[in-house]
Amino acid sequence: MAGLDSILKVITPKRMRPKGNAQTNTFSADRKAQVLSAPAYKDHLTDLFSSRQSDDSRTLMKQLFVHDPDVSAAVNAFLTVADTEPVFTVRDENGEFDRAGQLELNKILAAITTRFDYSKGFLMKPSVRALSESMRYMLLLRGGIGNELVFDKTQVPNEIRHVDMTTVEWFEKEPNMFIPQQRAPASNEEILLDVPTFFVSFFRRDPTSIYTYSPFVSAINTVAARQQVINDLYRIMQITGFPRIEATVLEEVLLKNAPAGVQSDGTKQQAYIQGEISRIQSTLSNTSPDQALVHTDSVEMKMFNDKNPGNALNIDSIIGALNAMNQAGLRSMATILGRGESGVNTASVEARVFSMHAEALNEPIAEMWGNMLTMALRVVAKSQSKVTCTFQPVELRPETELEPMKALKASRLRQDLSDGIITDDEYHLEMYGRIRPDSAPELSGTGFMNPVKVGVDETDVSSNADPLGKGLTPEGKDAAKGSNVTKKKAGE
């Protein structure tokens, strides 16, 4: 046991770099004072079918997250459904609740997410909700998340710095012993991240590789194919999809009204005819539906494609197949993407399955929060305890419908609290997401939920008068007097 105790002993780092080690995608040491370049906001003009030949999947996914309707809808649905409240719990090495450690953890979370020094300029302090949402976004985009817990000069954590996993390279010096290194995108500088303050978490990573992919990579080819079909439809609609004006220029009539110099010269005749055709085409192209079209007898007007043969092309099956492939690649359901047509029951099942998919996103986030806050607690409070993070389950029902379920849960937990199975702090964490206030009484193990036992008068019980033993029932109950109660009530 002595050897095991030495292994489980917590050893905190003696010193850490106050400004952190990792770099963001936009930072460069040689241009600190320069303004960051704003995006061109022209992603909507990108043709994925052609750009996928030159860009890798990581670059394509970053673009698709913004300008592709299906991908952006799936990302928005995942982020919305998975956005539940986290609950942080501190427990000692024996699994018992640590109230003192919980109070220290609250201070650490406040230091990370709240600003206290207002004597300086602008300072961005994201909340726990915002930090969790950023991690979910990076999980969907990269398949993994990397964060550095930055400590200040007083060894207090004050920042959680996101690291894009596409900038991280891995070295395996020993079997299953991986060392991360970041290649800063702005300066191409190599930064060794072999530090205790750097943490990673993965979402369904291939165990045979340390590198990860976005879970939406499988949708790239389907999105590209769908884009090509849509582009072809746009071109078809312009040519055959709508009725068009057809103007026939009568060359004989046109030459009779031509100038005398043109009629005697064959070269000038052709140039004259081409010029008149171009003039008529320009006039018709600029004609709006509410304008009158007046012309001479040298031009005959009629409608071309007036029967709209483009309707003969049935593209519903093609689009339907591509939509189904998109849904599979995006791990989404037809109801979530706004294409549900199978009724209420199917929509309910699809919504439930999708909520389970979204709930799975919170598992790596909870692991990341637990690892970072455990280190922060052990460095700041010199504690042996461990922080665990759990997210509230995803619920698609409104709060008013959940009230009966919450009442049942509260009743069950109060019984456990009365029996001493859980502590007061555990009850308050489960019900309210915080520990017990100092003003609340401690009720664990007091038996406040147990019913008061009513005594039985043993002198009024006889084996002859009461052979069935009904007199053992506590006084005040209808079954106490057996059939006599029934007779009494009948005579009232």
Protein backbone atom coordinates (compact mmCIF):
# COMPACT_ATOMS: atom_id res chain seq x y z
CA MET A 1 0.00 0.00 0.00
CA ALA A 2 2.91 2.34 0.64
CA GLY A 3 3.99 2.03 -2.98
CA LEU A 4 0.45 2.73 -4.18
CA ASP A 5 0.18 5.79 -1.94
CA SER A 6 3.39 7.18 -3.42
CA ILE A 7 2.05 6.69 -6.94
CA LEU A 8 -1.24 8.44 -6.11
CA LYS A 9 0.50 11.39 -4.49
CA VAL A 10 -0.19 14.63 -6.35
CA ILE A 11 2.89 16.52 -7.54
CA THR A 12 2.15 20.02 -8.84
CA PRO A 13 4.53 21.96 -11.11
CA LYS A 14 6.80 24.41 -9.31
CA ARG A 15 6.48 27.21 -11.85
CA MET A 16 4.53 27.93 -15.00
CA ARG A 17 4.80 30.48 -17.77
CA PRO A 18 2.45 33.39 -16.92
CA LYS A 19 1.60 34.25 -20.54
CA GLY A 20 1.15 30.66 -21.64
CA ASN A 21 2.92 28.66 -24.32
CA ALA A 22 0.44 28.03 -27.13
CA GLN A 23 -0.51 30.61 -29.76
CA THR A 24 -3.80 31.37 -31.43
CA ASN A 25 -4.33 31.26 -35.19
CA THR A 26 -4.32 35.06 -35.46
CA PHE A 27 -1.33 35.95 -33.25
CA SER A 28 2.13 36.72 -34.55
CA ALA A 29 4.95 38.05 -32.38
CA ASP A 30 6.31 40.30 -35.15
CA ARG A 31 3.04 42.22 -35.70
CA LYS A 32 1.60 42.82 -32.24
CA ALA A 33 0.42 46.35 -33.01
CA GLN A 34 -1.09 45.62 -36.43
CA VAL A 35 -4.81 45.31 -37.03
CA LEU A 36 -6.05 41.81 -37.75
CA SER A 37 -7.23 41.50 -41.33
CA ALA A 38 -11.00 41.19 -41.66
CA PRO A 39 -12.42 38.37 -43.81
CA ALA A 40 -13.53 39.18 -47.34
CA TYR A 41 -17.03 37.79 -46.63
CA LYS A 42 -17.16 36.23 -50.11
CA ASP A 43 -17.42 32.60 -49.09
CA HIS A 44 -20.85 32.45 -50.71
CA LEU A 45 -19.16 32.77 -54.11
CA THR A 46 -17.00 29.68 -53.57
CA ASP A 47 -17.85 26.71 -55.77
CA LEU A 48 -17.10 23.67 -53.65
CA PHE A 49 -17.08 21.36 -56.68
CA SER A 50 -13.97 23.10 -58.00
CA SER A 51 -12.30 24.24 -54.75
CA ARG A 52 -12.27 20.74 -53.24
CA GLN A 53 -9.59 19.77 -55.76
CA SER A 54 -7.08 22.23 -54.27
CA ASP A 55 -8.07 22.54 -50.58
CA ASP A 56 -7.83 19.83 -47.93
CA SER A 57 -10.78 18.67 -45.85
CA ARG A 58 -9.92 20.91 -42.91
CA THR A 59 -10.05 24.07 -45.02
CA LEU A 60 -13.22 22.92 -46.79
CA MET A 61 -15.03 22.14 -43.53
CA LYS A 62 -14.25 25.59 -42.15
CA GLN A 63 -15.85 27.13 -45.26
CA LEU A 64 -18.82 24.77 -45.28
CA PHE A 65 -19.60 25.55 -41.64
CA VAL A 66 -20.36 29.11 -42.76
CA HIS A 67 -21.85 29.13 -46.28
CA ASP A 68 -23.36 25.68 -46.93
CA PRO A 69 -27.02 25.54 -45.85
CA ASP A 70 -27.10 21.89 -44.79
CA VAL A 71 -23.78 21.89 -42.92
CA SER A 72 -24.47 25.19 -41.15
CA ALA A 73 -27.97 23.99 -40.20
CA ALA A 74 -26.56 20.76 -38.74
CA VAL A 75 -23.89 22.65 -36.78
CA ASN A 76 -26.45 25.11 -35.44
CA ALA A 77 -28.75 22.24 -34.39
CA PHE A 78 -25.94 20.40 -32.58
CA LEU A 79 -24.85 23.55 -30.73
CA THR A 80 -28.42 24.45 -29.77
CA VAL A 81 -29.53 21.04 -28.54
CA ALA A 82 -26.29 20.26 -26.67
CA ASP A 83 -26.25 23.64 -24.87
CA THR A 84 -27.06 22.45 -21.34
CA GLU A 85 -25.77 23.59 -17.95
CA PRO A 86 -22.60 21.94 -16.58
CA VAL A 87 -22.43 20.82 -12.94
CA PHE A 88 -18.99 20.71 -11.27
CA THR A 89 -18.42 18.44 -8.27
CA VAL A 90 -15.33 18.06 -6.06
CA ARG A 91 -14.67 14.70 -4.41
CA ASP A 92 -11.74 13.43 -2.37
CA GLU A 93 -9.69 10.31 -3.05
CA ASN A 94 -12.37 8.16 -1.37
CA GLY A 95 -15.18 9.52 -3.52
CA GLU A 96 -16.69 11.59 -0.71
CA PHE A 97 -18.00 15.07 -1.39
CA ASP A 98 -15.45 17.82 -0.57
CA ARG A 99 -17.29 20.97 0.50
CA ALA A 100 -14.13 22.99 1.14
CA GLY A 101 -12.80 22.03 -2.27
CA GLN A 102 -16.13 23.01 -3.85
CA LEU A 103 -15.83 26.50 -2.36
CA GLU A 104 -12.29 26.80 -3.76
CA LEU A 105 -13.50 25.61 -7.15
CA ASN A 106 -16.13 28.37 -7.23
CA LYS A 107 -13.36 30.92 -6.72
CA ILE A 108 -11.28 29.38 -9.51
CA LEU A 109 -14.21 29.51 -11.94
CA ALA A 110 -14.80 33.12 -10.99
CA ALA A 111 -11.14 33.95 -11.65
CA ILE A 112 -11.32 32.37 -15.11
CA THR A 113 -14.67 33.79 -16.24
CA THR A 114 -15.08 37.07 -14.32
CA ARG A 115 -13.20 40.33 -14.54
CA PHE A 116 -12.07 41.91 -11.25
CA ASP A 117 -9.44 44.45 -12.32
CA TYR A 118 -11.17 47.32 -14.15
CA SER A 119 -8.15 49.64 -14.04
CA LYS A 120 -6.91 48.28 -17.39
CA GLY A 121 -8.34 48.43 -20.89
CA PHE A 122 -10.56 45.96 -22.70
CA LEU A 123 -10.39 42.37 -21.48
CA MET A 124 -12.38 39.47 -22.91
CA LYS A 125 -13.53 36.97 -20.27
CA PRO A 126 -15.82 34.32 -21.79
CA SER A 127 -18.34 32.63 -19.52
CA VAL A 128 -18.48 28.90 -18.84
CA ARG A 129 -21.33 28.63 -21.35
CA ALA A 130 -19.35 30.47 -24.05
CA LEU A 131 -16.22 28.38 -23.42
CA SER A 132 -18.24 25.15 -23.61
CA GLU A 133 -19.88 26.26 -26.87
CA SER A 134 -16.47 27.05 -28.40
CA MET A 135 -15.29 23.57 -27.46
CA ARG A 136 -18.37 22.00 -29.07
CA TYR A 137 -17.75 24.01 -32.25
CA MET A 138 -14.13 22.84 -32.40
CA LEU A 139 -15.18 19.23 -31.80
CA LEU A 140 -17.50 19.40 -34.80
CA LEU A 141 -14.92 21.23 -36.91
CA ARG A 142 -11.77 19.27 -35.99
CA GLY A 143 -12.89 16.14 -34.15
CA GLY A 144 -10.80 17.14 -31.12
CA ILE A 145 -10.11 20.07 -28.82
CA GLY A 146 -6.94 21.42 -27.29
CA ASN A 147 -6.84 23.95 -24.44
CA GLU A 148 -4.08 25.52 -22.42
CA LEU A 149 -4.83 26.57 -18.84
CA VAL A 150 -2.90 29.81 -18.40
CA PHE A 151 -1.79 30.86 -14.89
CA ASP A 152 -0.80 34.37 -13.87
CA LYS A 153 2.24 35.40 -11.84
CA THR A 154 0.51 34.48 -8.57
CA GLN A 155 -0.15 30.90 -9.79
CA VAL A 156 -3.88 31.54 -10.18
CA PRO A 157 -5.59 30.39 -13.43
CA ASN A 158 -6.97 33.33 -15.38
CA GLU A 159 -7.48 32.08 -18.96
CA ILE A 160 -8.45 29.05 -21.02
CA ARG A 161 -6.75 29.37 -24.42
CA HIS A 162 -8.17 27.39 -27.33
CA VAL A 163 -5.64 25.71 -29.63
CA ASP A 164 -6.65 24.71 -33.15
CA MET A 165 -5.82 21.02 -33.44
CA THR A 166 -4.85 21.46 -37.09
CA THR A 167 -1.77 23.35 -35.86
CA VAL A 168 -0.70 20.54 -33.49
CA GLU A 169 1.80 17.89 -34.53
CA TRP A 170 2.48 14.73 -32.52
CA PHE A 171 5.67 12.80 -31.75
CA GLU A 172 5.72 9.27 -30.33
CA LYS A 173 9.07 8.73 -28.64
CA GLU A 174 7.81 5.65 -26.77
CA PRO A 175 4.82 3.37 -27.39
CA ASN A 176 1.65 5.28 -26.57
CA MET A 177 3.66 8.24 -25.19
CA PHE A 178 2.70 11.19 -27.40
CA ILE A 179 4.33 14.63 -27.27
CA PRO A 180 2.45 17.59 -28.86
CA GLN A 181 4.05 20.43 -30.76
CA GLN A 182 2.32 23.43 -32.30
CA ARG A 183 3.25 25.01 -35.59
CA ALA A 184 1.98 28.57 -35.24
CA PRO A 185 0.01 29.42 -38.40
CA ALA A 186 0.84 33.13 -38.39
CA SER A 187 4.61 32.77 -37.97
CA ASN A 188 5.24 29.05 -38.77
CA GLU A 189 7.13 28.87 -35.48
CA GLU A 190 7.45 25.48 -33.76
CA ILE A 191 6.24 25.60 -30.14
CA LEU A 192 6.72 22.58 -27.90
CA LEU A 193 3.56 21.89 -25.90
CA ASP A 194 5.11 19.29 -23.61
CA VAL A 195 3.76 21.24 -20.61
CA PRO A 196 1.36 20.13 -17.83
CA THR A 197 -1.05 22.97 -18.58
CA PHE A 198 -1.97 21.70 -22.08
CA PHE A 199 -4.98 19.37 -22.34
CA VAL A 200 -6.62 17.55 -25.25
CA SER A 201 -9.87 15.64 -25.65
CA PHE A 202 -11.19 13.76 -28.67
CA PHE A 203 -14.59 12.92 -30.11
CA ARG A 204 -14.68 9.31 -31.35
CA ARG A 205 -11.09 9.26 -32.54
CA ASP A 206 -9.73 6.37 -34.56
CA PRO A 207 -7.65 4.45 -31.96
CA THR A 208 -5.01 3.64 -34.57
CA SER A 209 -4.18 7.32 -35.18
CA ILE A 210 -3.57 10.29 -32.89
CA TYR A 211 -4.89 12.71 -35.53
CA THR A 212 -8.59 13.39 -35.86
CA TYR A 213 -11.13 14.35 -38.52
CA SER A 214 -14.30 16.35 -38.37
CA PRO A 215 -17.33 14.02 -38.05
CA PHE A 216 -18.78 15.86 -41.06
CA VAL A 217 -15.94 15.05 -43.49
CA SER A 218 -18.01 12.29 -45.09
CA ALA A 219 -20.49 14.92 -46.31
CA ILE A 220 -17.98 16.80 -48.48
CA ASN A 221 -18.43 14.71 -51.64
CA THR A 222 -22.22 14.72 -51.26
CA VAL A 223 -22.26 18.49 -50.77
CA ALA A 224 -20.09 18.90 -53.87
CA ALA A 225 -22.34 16.62 -55.96
CA ARG A 226 -25.42 18.48 -54.77
CA GLN A 227 -23.75 21.79 -55.65
CA GLN A 228 -23.05 20.56 -59.19
CA VAL A 229 -26.67 19.47 -59.63
CA ILE A 230 -27.91 22.85 -58.38
CA ASN A 231 -25.56 24.68 -60.76
CA ASP A 232 -26.81 22.57 -63.66
CA LEU A 233 -30.41 23.33 -62.69
CA TYR A 234 -29.67 27.04 -62.69
CA ARG A 235 -28.33 26.78 -66.23
CA ILE A 236 -31.28 24.65 -67.41
CA MET A 237 -33.76 27.08 -65.93
CA GLN A 238 -32.18 29.94 -67.83
CA ILE A 239 -32.40 28.08 -71.16
CA THR A 240 -35.50 25.90 -71.06
CA GLY A 241 -37.10 26.48 -67.70
CA PHE A 242 -39.12 29.60 -68.60
CA PRO A 243 -40.82 30.98 -71.75
CA ARG A 244 -38.61 33.25 -73.84
CA ILE A 245 -39.17 35.80 -76.62
CA GLU A 246 -38.25 34.74 -80.13
CA ALA A 247 -37.80 37.50 -82.76
CA THR A 248 -37.47 36.56 -86.45
CA VAL A 249 -35.86 39.30 -88.58
CA LEU A 250 -37.19 39.28 -92.16
CA GLU A 251 -34.04 39.91 -94.16
CA GLU A 252 -35.87 40.74 -97.41
CA VAL A 253 -37.99 43.43 -95.79
CA LEU A 254 -35.01 44.75 -93.87
CA LEU A 255 -32.90 45.18 -97.05
CA LYS A 256 -35.74 46.93 -98.90
CA ASN A 257 -35.72 49.62 -96.21
CA ALA A 258 -31.93 49.87 -96.09
CA PRO A 259 -30.07 52.96 -97.38
CA ALA A 260 -29.20 53.01 -101.11
CA GLY A 261 -25.47 52.71 -100.43
CA VAL A 262 -26.05 49.52 -98.48
CA GLN A 263 -28.31 47.86 -101.04
CA SER A 264 -25.67 48.02 -103.80
CA ASP A 265 -22.81 46.68 -101.69
CA GLY A 266 -22.91 43.02 -100.50
CA THR A 267 -20.37 43.56 -97.70
CA LYS A 268 -22.30 46.50 -96.30
CA GLN A 269 -25.53 44.46 -96.49
CA GLN A 270 -24.17 41.81 -94.11
CA ALA A 271 -22.81 44.40 -91.71
CA TYR A 272 -26.12 46.26 -91.83
CA ILE A 273 -28.13 43.11 -91.08
CA GLN A 274 -25.87 42.11 -88.15
CA GLY A 275 -26.11 45.60 -86.71
CA GLU A 276 -29.92 45.58 -86.87
CA ILE A 277 -30.07 42.14 -85.24
CA SER A 278 -27.82 43.34 -82.39
CA ARG A 279 -29.97 46.46 -81.93
CA ILE A 280 -33.20 44.45 -81.81
CA GLN A 281 -31.64 41.93 -79.38
CA SER A 282 -30.50 44.71 -77.07
CA THR A 283 -33.94 46.31 -77.13
CA LEU A 284 -35.74 43.06 -76.32
CA SER A 285 -33.30 42.12 -73.56
CA ASN A 286 -34.01 45.38 -71.75
CA THR A 287 -37.79 45.14 -72.10
CA SER A 288 -39.65 44.71 -68.82
CA PRO A 289 -42.99 42.83 -68.56
CA ASP A 290 -45.01 46.05 -68.14
CA GLN A 291 -43.61 47.73 -71.29
CA ALA A 292 -45.27 47.66 -74.70
CA LEU A 293 -43.34 46.01 -77.53
CA VAL A 294 -43.76 47.94 -80.81
CA HIS A 295 -41.99 46.84 -83.98
CA THR A 296 -42.24 47.02 -87.77
CA ASP A 297 -43.23 44.26 -90.17
CA SER A 298 -39.52 43.46 -90.67
CA VAL A 299 -39.62 41.54 -87.37
CA GLU A 300 -41.95 38.68 -86.37
CA MET A 301 -42.46 38.16 -82.58
CA LYS A 302 -43.58 34.97 -80.83
CA MET A 303 -42.94 32.98 -77.65
CA PHE A 304 -40.22 30.38 -77.64
CA ASN A 305 -40.60 27.41 -75.25
CA ASP A 306 -44.13 28.48 -74.36
CA LYS A 307 -45.03 24.92 -73.29
CA ASN A 308 -42.19 24.87 -70.72
CA PRO A 309 -40.58 21.50 -71.61
CA GLY A 310 -38.23 21.88 -68.64
CA ASN A 311 -40.98 20.43 -66.48
CA ALA A 312 -40.45 17.10 -68.20
CA LEU A 313 -37.17 16.73 -66.28
CA ASN A 314 -37.92 15.03 -62.93
CA ILE A 315 -35.19 16.01 -60.49
CA ASP A 316 -37.05 15.24 -57.27
CA SER A 317 -35.55 11.75 -57.00
CA ILE A 318 -32.02 13.09 -57.59
CA ILE A 319 -32.35 15.85 -54.99
CA GLY A 320 -33.98 13.41 -52.57
CA ALA A 321 -31.08 10.96 -52.84
CA LEU A 322 -28.53 13.73 -52.34
CA ASN A 323 -30.47 15.08 -49.35
CA ALA A 324 -30.51 11.62 -47.75
CA MET A 325 -26.75 11.29 -48.25
CA ASN A 326 -26.24 14.75 -46.76
CA GLN A 327 -28.27 13.81 -43.70
CA ALA A 328 -26.21 10.67 -43.18
CA GLY A 329 -22.91 12.51 -43.58
CA LEU A 330 -23.99 15.26 -41.18
CA ARG A 331 -25.24 12.81 -38.52
CA SER A 332 -28.60 14.58 -38.62
CA MET A 333 -32.22 13.70 -39.21
CA ALA A 334 -34.68 14.99 -41.82
CA THR A 335 -36.72 16.70 -39.11
CA ILE A 336 -33.67 18.60 -37.84
CA LEU A 337 -32.78 19.89 -41.33
CA GLY A 338 -36.38 20.91 -42.05
CA ARG A 339 -37.21 18.08 -44.46
CA GLY A 340 -39.34 15.83 -42.27
CA GLU A 341 -42.40 14.49 -44.10
CA SER A 342 -43.13 11.25 -42.25
CA GLY A 343 -45.53 12.41 -39.54
CA VAL A 344 -45.41 13.29 -35.87
CA ASN A 345 -44.34 9.89 -34.57
CA THR A 346 -41.34 9.66 -36.87
CA ALA A 347 -40.40 13.26 -36.06
CA SER A 348 -40.47 12.48 -32.33
CA VAL A 349 -38.20 9.48 -32.77
CA GLU A 350 -35.81 11.45 -34.99
CA ALA A 351 -35.68 14.31 -32.50
CA ARG A 352 -34.91 11.88 -29.67
CA VAL A 353 -32.14 10.14 -31.63
CA PHE A 354 -30.61 13.47 -32.57
CA SER A 355 -30.71 14.65 -28.96
CA MET A 356 -28.68 11.56 -28.02
CA HIS A 357 -26.13 12.44 -30.72
CA ALA A 358 -25.92 16.01 -29.41
CA GLU A 359 -25.60 14.75 -25.82
CA ALA A 360 -22.54 12.73 -26.82
CA LEU A 361 -20.75 15.99 -27.67
CA ASN A 362 -20.77 16.98 -24.01
CA GLU A 363 -18.75 13.93 -22.89
CA PRO A 364 -15.35 15.15 -24.22
CA ILE A 365 -16.20 18.66 -22.98
CA ALA A 366 -16.90 17.33 -19.48
CA GLU A 367 -13.63 15.39 -19.59
CA MET A 368 -11.76 18.53 -20.61
CA TRP A 369 -13.36 20.65 -17.86
CA GLY A 370 -12.65 17.98 -15.24
CA ASN A 371 -8.96 17.67 -16.15
CA MET A 372 -8.32 21.41 -16.30
CA LEU A 373 -10.17 22.28 -13.10
CA THR A 374 -8.63 19.36 -11.21
CA MET A 375 -5.17 20.71 -11.94
CA ALA A 376 -6.24 24.26 -11.05
CA LEU A 377 -7.69 23.07 -7.73
CA ARG A 378 -4.58 21.08 -6.84
CA VAL A 379 -2.25 23.95 -7.69
CA VAL A 380 -4.27 26.67 -5.93
CA ALA A 381 -5.69 24.79 -2.93
CA LYS A 382 -2.96 22.12 -2.56
CA SER A 383 -5.75 19.57 -2.52
CA GLN A 384 -5.82 15.87 -3.31
CA SER A 385 -9.44 16.07 -4.49
CA LYS A 386 -10.64 15.67 -8.04
CA VAL A 387 -13.14 17.73 -10.05
CA THR A 388 -15.77 15.96 -12.11
CA CYS A 389 -18.04 17.68 -14.61
CA THR A 390 -21.42 16.47 -15.82
CA PHE A 391 -23.86 18.22 -18.13
CA GLN A 392 -27.58 18.29 -17.58
CA PRO A 393 -29.34 15.82 -19.92
CA VAL A 394 -30.81 17.20 -23.14
CA GLU A 395 -34.55 17.82 -22.85
CA LEU A 396 -36.70 18.81 -25.82
CA ARG A 397 -39.82 19.36 -23.74
CA PRO A 398 -40.68 22.82 -22.35
CA GLU A 399 -40.13 23.64 -18.70
CA THR A 400 -43.83 23.50 -17.87
CA GLU A 401 -44.02 19.86 -19.00
CA LEU A 402 -40.93 18.95 -17.00
CA GLU A 403 -42.29 20.20 -13.68
CA PRO A 404 -44.02 16.88 -12.74
CA MET A 405 -40.82 14.97 -13.54
CA LYS A 406 -38.79 17.40 -11.46
CA ALA A 407 -41.22 16.98 -8.57
CA LEU A 408 -40.80 13.19 -8.70
CA LYS A 409 -37.02 13.55 -8.80
CA ALA A 410 -37.05 15.97 -5.88
CA SER A 411 -39.22 13.57 -3.84
CA ARG A 412 -36.86 10.67 -4.54
CA LEU A 413 -33.76 12.69 -3.66
CA ARG A 414 -35.38 14.04 -0.49
CA GLN A 415 -36.00 10.47 0.65
CA ASP A 416 -32.33 9.65 0.00
CA LEU A 417 -31.38 12.80 1.89
CA SER A 418 -33.64 11.81 4.78
CA ASP A 419 -32.06 8.35 4.95
CA GLY A 420 -28.53 9.80 4.81
CA ILE A 421 -27.67 8.18 1.47
CA ILE A 422 -26.66 11.56 0.00
CA THR A 423 -25.41 14.74 1.64
CA ASP A 424 -27.08 18.14 1.65
CA ASP A 425 -24.53 19.49 -0.82
CA GLU A 426 -25.09 16.59 -3.22
CA TYR A 427 -28.84 17.18 -3.07
CA HIS A 428 -28.48 20.89 -3.83
CA LEU A 429 -25.99 20.21 -6.65
CA GLU A 430 -28.36 17.74 -8.26
CA MET A 431 -31.42 19.98 -7.94
CA TYR A 432 -30.03 23.51 -8.24
CA GLY A 433 -26.47 23.16 -9.58
CA ARG A 434 -24.88 24.70 -6.46
CA ILE A 435 -23.93 23.60 -2.95
CA ARG A 436 -26.12 24.09 0.13
CA PRO A 437 -26.40 27.73 1.26
CA ASP A 438 -25.22 28.43 4.78
CA SER A 439 -28.74 29.54 5.72
CA ALA A 440 -30.25 26.14 4.89
CA PRO A 441 -30.39 23.50 7.66
CA GLU A 442 -28.48 20.24 7.34
CA LEU A 443 -31.03 17.47 6.85
CA SER A 444 -28.97 14.48 5.75
CA GLY A 445 -29.78 11.40 7.85
CA THR A 446 -32.38 13.15 10.05
CA GLY A 447 -35.27 10.99 8.83
CA PHE A 448 -37.50 13.98 8.13
CA MET A 449 -39.29 12.07 5.35
CA ASN A 450 -40.11 8.99 7.43
CA PRO A 451 -43.78 8.74 8.60
CA VAL A 452 -44.61 9.03 12.32
CA LYS A 453 -45.50 5.63 13.76
CA VAL A 454 -48.83 5.47 15.66
CA GLY A 455 -48.96 3.19 18.71
CA VAL A 456 -51.41 0.28 19.12
CA ASP A 457 -53.35 -0.37 22.32
CA GLU A 458 -52.39 -3.95 23.14
CA THR A 459 -55.10 -4.30 25.88
CA ASP A 460 -57.87 -3.99 23.31
CA VAL A 461 -56.62 -6.91 21.26
CA SER A 462 -57.97 -10.43 21.89
CA SER A 463 -57.52 -13.62 19.92
CA ASN A 464 -61.21 -14.53 20.48
CA ALA A 465 -62.73 -11.15 19.64
CA ASP A 466 -60.33 -10.48 16.76
CA PRO A 467 -59.19 -13.79 15.23
CA LEU A 468 -57.93 -12.07 12.06
CA GLY A 469 -55.77 -9.60 13.98
CA LYS A 470 -57.40 -6.51 12.51
CA GLY A 471 -57.09 -4.77 15.85
CA LEU A 472 -53.35 -4.44 15.30
CA THR A 473 -54.05 -1.71 12.73
CA PRO A 474 -53.21 1.76 14.15
CA GLU A 475 -56.12 3.70 15.61
CA GLY A 476 -58.00 5.95 13.21
CA LYS A 477 -57.90 3.61 10.22
CA ASP A 478 -61.09 2.24 8.66
CA ALA A 479 -59.70 -1.30 8.70
CA ALA A 480 -59.08 -1.13 12.47
CA LYS A 481 -62.51 -2.35 13.58
CA GLY A 482 -63.17 -4.67 10.66
CA SER A 483 -66.83 -5.19 9.86
CA ASN A 484 -67.93 -3.06 12.85
CA VAL A 485 -66.75 0.04 11.00
CA THR A 486 -68.85 -0.90 8.02
CA LYS A 487 -71.92 -1.42 10.20
CA LYS A 488 -71.36 1.90 11.95
CA LYS A 489 -71.08 3.78 8.69
CA ALA A 490 -74.20 2.08 7.32
CA GLY A 491 -76.19 3.23 10.33
CA GLU A 492 -75.07 6.86 10.12
